[in-house]
N, C-alpha and C. Protein backbone atom coordinates (compact mmCIF):
# COMPACT_ATOMS: atom_id res chain seq x y z
N UNK A 1 41.64 78.15 -17.83
CA UNK A 1 41.51 76.76 -18.08
C UNK A 1 40.20 76.26 -17.74
N UNK A 2 39.71 75.36 -18.83
CA UNK A 2 38.46 75.05 -18.61
C UNK A 2 38.48 73.45 -18.29
N UNK A 3 37.48 72.75 -17.77
CA UNK A 3 37.38 71.48 -17.48
C UNK A 3 35.86 71.01 -17.60
N UNK A 4 35.62 69.65 -17.85
CA UNK A 4 34.61 69.11 -18.05
C UNK A 4 34.14 68.23 -16.90
N UNK A 5 32.96 68.41 -16.46
CA UNK A 5 32.41 67.64 -15.34
C UNK A 5 31.70 66.35 -15.83
N UNK A 6 32.33 65.17 -15.70
CA UNK A 6 31.80 64.01 -16.39
C UNK A 6 30.86 63.23 -15.45
N UNK A 7 30.79 63.86 -14.28
CA UNK A 7 29.80 63.07 -13.26
C UNK A 7 28.31 63.25 -13.79
N UNK A 8 27.66 62.12 -13.78
CA UNK A 8 26.18 62.06 -14.08
C UNK A 8 25.24 61.85 -12.85
N UNK A 9 24.16 62.35 -13.09
CA UNK A 9 23.30 61.98 -11.84
C UNK A 9 22.73 60.61 -12.00
N UNK A 10 22.75 59.83 -10.98
CA UNK A 10 22.38 58.68 -11.06
C UNK A 10 20.90 58.57 -10.52
N UNK A 11 20.17 57.86 -11.41
CA UNK A 11 18.59 57.82 -11.12
C UNK A 11 18.39 56.09 -10.61
N UNK A 12 17.73 55.91 -9.63
CA UNK A 12 17.56 54.65 -9.09
C UNK A 12 16.46 53.91 -9.87
N UNK A 13 16.57 52.77 -10.01
CA UNK A 13 15.37 51.89 -10.44
C UNK A 13 14.01 52.10 -10.00
N UNK A 14 13.99 52.49 -8.67
CA UNK A 14 12.60 52.74 -8.24
C UNK A 14 12.21 53.95 -8.68
N UNK A 15 12.96 54.99 -8.89
CA UNK A 15 12.79 56.40 -9.52
C UNK A 15 12.30 55.99 -11.06
N UNK A 16 12.91 55.28 -11.76
CA UNK A 16 12.53 55.14 -13.07
C UNK A 16 11.41 54.48 -13.22
N UNK A 17 11.08 53.35 -12.29
CA UNK A 17 9.94 52.42 -12.32
C UNK A 17 8.73 53.44 -11.71
N UNK A 18 9.03 54.15 -11.08
CA UNK A 18 7.67 55.19 -10.60
C UNK A 18 7.38 55.99 -11.66
N UNK A 19 8.37 56.50 -12.51
CA UNK A 19 8.11 57.43 -13.81
C UNK A 19 7.29 56.62 -14.58
N UNK A 20 7.70 55.40 -14.88
CA UNK A 20 6.89 54.52 -15.95
C UNK A 20 5.52 54.30 -15.52
N UNK A 21 5.27 53.93 -14.19
CA UNK A 21 3.88 53.61 -13.78
C UNK A 21 3.08 55.05 -13.74
N UNK A 22 3.72 56.20 -13.50
CA UNK A 22 2.91 57.46 -13.60
C UNK A 22 2.59 57.65 -14.92
N UNK A 23 3.55 57.54 -15.96
CA UNK A 23 3.20 57.53 -17.37
C UNK A 23 2.03 56.69 -17.85
N UNK A 24 2.01 55.40 -17.49
CA UNK A 24 1.00 54.34 -17.83
C UNK A 24 -0.23 54.95 -17.10
N UNK A 25 -0.44 55.46 -15.86
CA UNK A 25 -1.42 55.99 -15.23
C UNK A 25 -2.19 57.19 -15.92
N UNK A 26 -1.08 58.19 -16.35
CA UNK A 26 -1.74 59.22 -17.18
C UNK A 26 -2.27 58.76 -18.52
N UNK A 27 -1.77 57.95 -19.17
CA UNK A 27 -2.14 57.48 -20.37
C UNK A 27 -3.65 56.82 -20.23
N UNK A 28 -3.79 56.02 -19.22
CA UNK A 28 -5.03 55.33 -18.93
C UNK A 28 -6.13 56.52 -18.62
N UNK A 29 -5.84 57.30 -17.95
CA UNK A 29 -6.66 58.44 -17.69
C UNK A 29 -7.04 59.36 -18.83
N UNK A 30 -6.11 59.59 -19.64
CA UNK A 30 -6.50 60.39 -20.85
C UNK A 30 -7.31 59.49 -21.80
N UNK A 31 -7.06 58.22 -21.94
CA UNK A 31 -7.89 57.36 -22.69
C UNK A 31 -9.37 57.39 -22.09
N UNK A 32 -9.39 57.31 -20.98
CA UNK A 32 -10.66 57.36 -20.15
C UNK A 32 -11.44 58.49 -20.62
N UNK A 33 -10.98 59.66 -20.42
CA UNK A 33 -11.55 60.91 -20.56
C UNK A 33 -11.94 60.90 -22.29
N UNK A 34 -11.03 60.40 -23.13
CA UNK A 34 -11.38 60.40 -24.52
C UNK A 34 -12.74 59.43 -24.63
N UNK A 35 -12.79 58.34 -24.06
CA UNK A 35 -13.92 57.47 -24.21
C UNK A 35 -14.98 57.95 -23.77
N UNK A 36 -15.08 58.51 -22.48
CA UNK A 36 -16.13 59.20 -21.90
C UNK A 36 -16.80 60.23 -22.77
N UNK A 37 -15.82 60.99 -23.29
CA UNK A 37 -16.40 62.31 -24.19
C UNK A 37 -17.01 61.75 -25.46
N UNK A 38 -16.40 60.70 -26.15
CA UNK A 38 -17.00 60.00 -27.10
C UNK A 38 -18.49 59.74 -26.96
N UNK A 39 -18.49 58.84 -25.99
CA UNK A 39 -19.80 58.27 -25.55
C UNK A 39 -20.84 59.33 -25.26
N UNK A 40 -20.49 60.31 -24.46
CA UNK A 40 -21.60 61.45 -24.14
C UNK A 40 -22.00 62.20 -25.34
N UNK A 41 -20.97 62.52 -26.21
CA UNK A 41 -21.20 63.29 -27.45
C UNK A 41 -21.92 62.48 -28.39
N UNK A 42 -21.71 61.06 -28.52
CA UNK A 42 -22.46 60.17 -29.32
C UNK A 42 -23.89 60.14 -29.05
N UNK A 43 -24.25 60.19 -27.80
CA UNK A 43 -25.60 59.96 -27.27
C UNK A 43 -26.56 61.16 -27.55
N UNK A 44 -25.83 62.44 -27.85
CA UNK A 44 -26.67 63.59 -28.22
C UNK A 44 -27.32 63.50 -29.49
N UNK A 45 -28.36 64.10 -29.74
CA UNK A 45 -28.99 64.15 -31.18
C UNK A 45 -28.21 65.14 -31.96
N UNK A 46 -28.50 65.05 -33.20
CA UNK A 46 -27.95 65.74 -34.34
C UNK A 46 -28.17 67.40 -33.99
N UNK A 47 -29.26 67.58 -33.59
CA UNK A 47 -29.73 68.93 -33.28
C UNK A 47 -28.93 69.50 -32.26
N UNK A 48 -28.79 68.73 -31.04
CA UNK A 48 -27.84 69.32 -29.94
C UNK A 48 -26.55 69.33 -30.36
N UNK A 49 -25.94 68.58 -31.24
CA UNK A 49 -24.48 68.70 -31.71
C UNK A 49 -24.43 70.05 -32.49
N UNK A 50 -25.37 70.29 -33.34
CA UNK A 50 -25.37 71.12 -34.28
C UNK A 50 -25.50 72.64 -33.36
N UNK A 51 -26.22 72.63 -32.34
CA UNK A 51 -26.33 73.77 -31.46
C UNK A 51 -24.91 73.98 -30.76
N UNK A 52 -24.10 73.06 -30.46
CA UNK A 52 -22.84 73.19 -29.98
C UNK A 52 -21.75 73.57 -31.16
N UNK A 53 -22.03 73.30 -32.30
CA UNK A 53 -21.10 73.64 -33.32
C UNK A 53 -20.32 72.48 -33.82
N UNK A 54 -20.76 71.21 -33.38
CA UNK A 54 -19.93 70.06 -33.62
C UNK A 54 -20.92 69.13 -34.58
N UNK A 55 -20.09 68.66 -35.75
CA UNK A 55 -20.96 67.72 -36.51
C UNK A 55 -20.76 66.21 -35.95
N UNK A 56 -21.51 65.36 -36.28
CA UNK A 56 -21.35 63.99 -35.78
C UNK A 56 -19.97 63.45 -36.18
N UNK A 57 -19.38 63.76 -37.44
CA UNK A 57 -18.03 63.37 -37.75
C UNK A 57 -16.78 64.10 -37.04
N UNK A 58 -17.13 65.13 -36.35
CA UNK A 58 -16.14 65.76 -35.55
C UNK A 58 -16.12 65.24 -34.11
N UNK A 59 -16.94 64.22 -33.68
CA UNK A 59 -16.81 63.91 -32.34
C UNK A 59 -15.55 63.41 -31.87
N UNK A 60 -14.93 62.56 -32.62
CA UNK A 60 -13.71 62.04 -32.26
C UNK A 60 -12.57 63.12 -32.14
N UNK A 61 -12.56 64.11 -33.16
CA UNK A 61 -11.60 65.21 -32.86
C UNK A 61 -11.84 66.01 -31.76
N UNK A 62 -13.14 66.39 -31.40
CA UNK A 62 -13.43 67.02 -30.18
C UNK A 62 -12.99 66.34 -28.87
N UNK A 63 -13.20 64.92 -28.78
CA UNK A 63 -12.82 64.05 -27.63
C UNK A 63 -11.34 63.92 -27.69
N UNK A 64 -10.63 63.99 -28.77
CA UNK A 64 -9.12 63.88 -28.72
C UNK A 64 -8.47 65.13 -28.07
N UNK A 65 -9.22 66.42 -28.78
CA UNK A 65 -8.62 67.58 -28.11
C UNK A 65 -8.88 67.85 -26.63
N UNK A 66 -9.97 67.17 -26.21
CA UNK A 66 -10.27 67.19 -24.65
C UNK A 66 -9.29 66.36 -23.78
N UNK A 67 -9.01 65.23 -24.45
CA UNK A 67 -8.31 64.33 -23.66
C UNK A 67 -6.69 64.54 -23.66
N UNK A 68 -6.36 64.92 -25.01
CA UNK A 68 -4.82 64.98 -25.16
C UNK A 68 -4.12 66.20 -25.39
N UNK A 69 -4.88 67.25 -25.18
CA UNK A 69 -4.27 68.57 -25.22
C UNK A 69 -4.41 69.32 -23.65
N UNK A 70 -3.51 70.26 -23.46
CA UNK A 70 -3.54 70.92 -22.15
C UNK A 70 -4.15 72.13 -22.29
């Protein structure tokens, strides 16, 4: 004979609020990394970027990878 356990884990408001705050902090930190990376790469000369294998048009892609991938 099989039975179903219908009891669900209750998550308190403070746990959910803490998770939302952590999510927001993580998003802000990722955006900060993105902005700093774009700023630093944009300050380089075309020759320096070429030496690193990055075109000026690829700066945002490199910054996005740095900030949003693990």
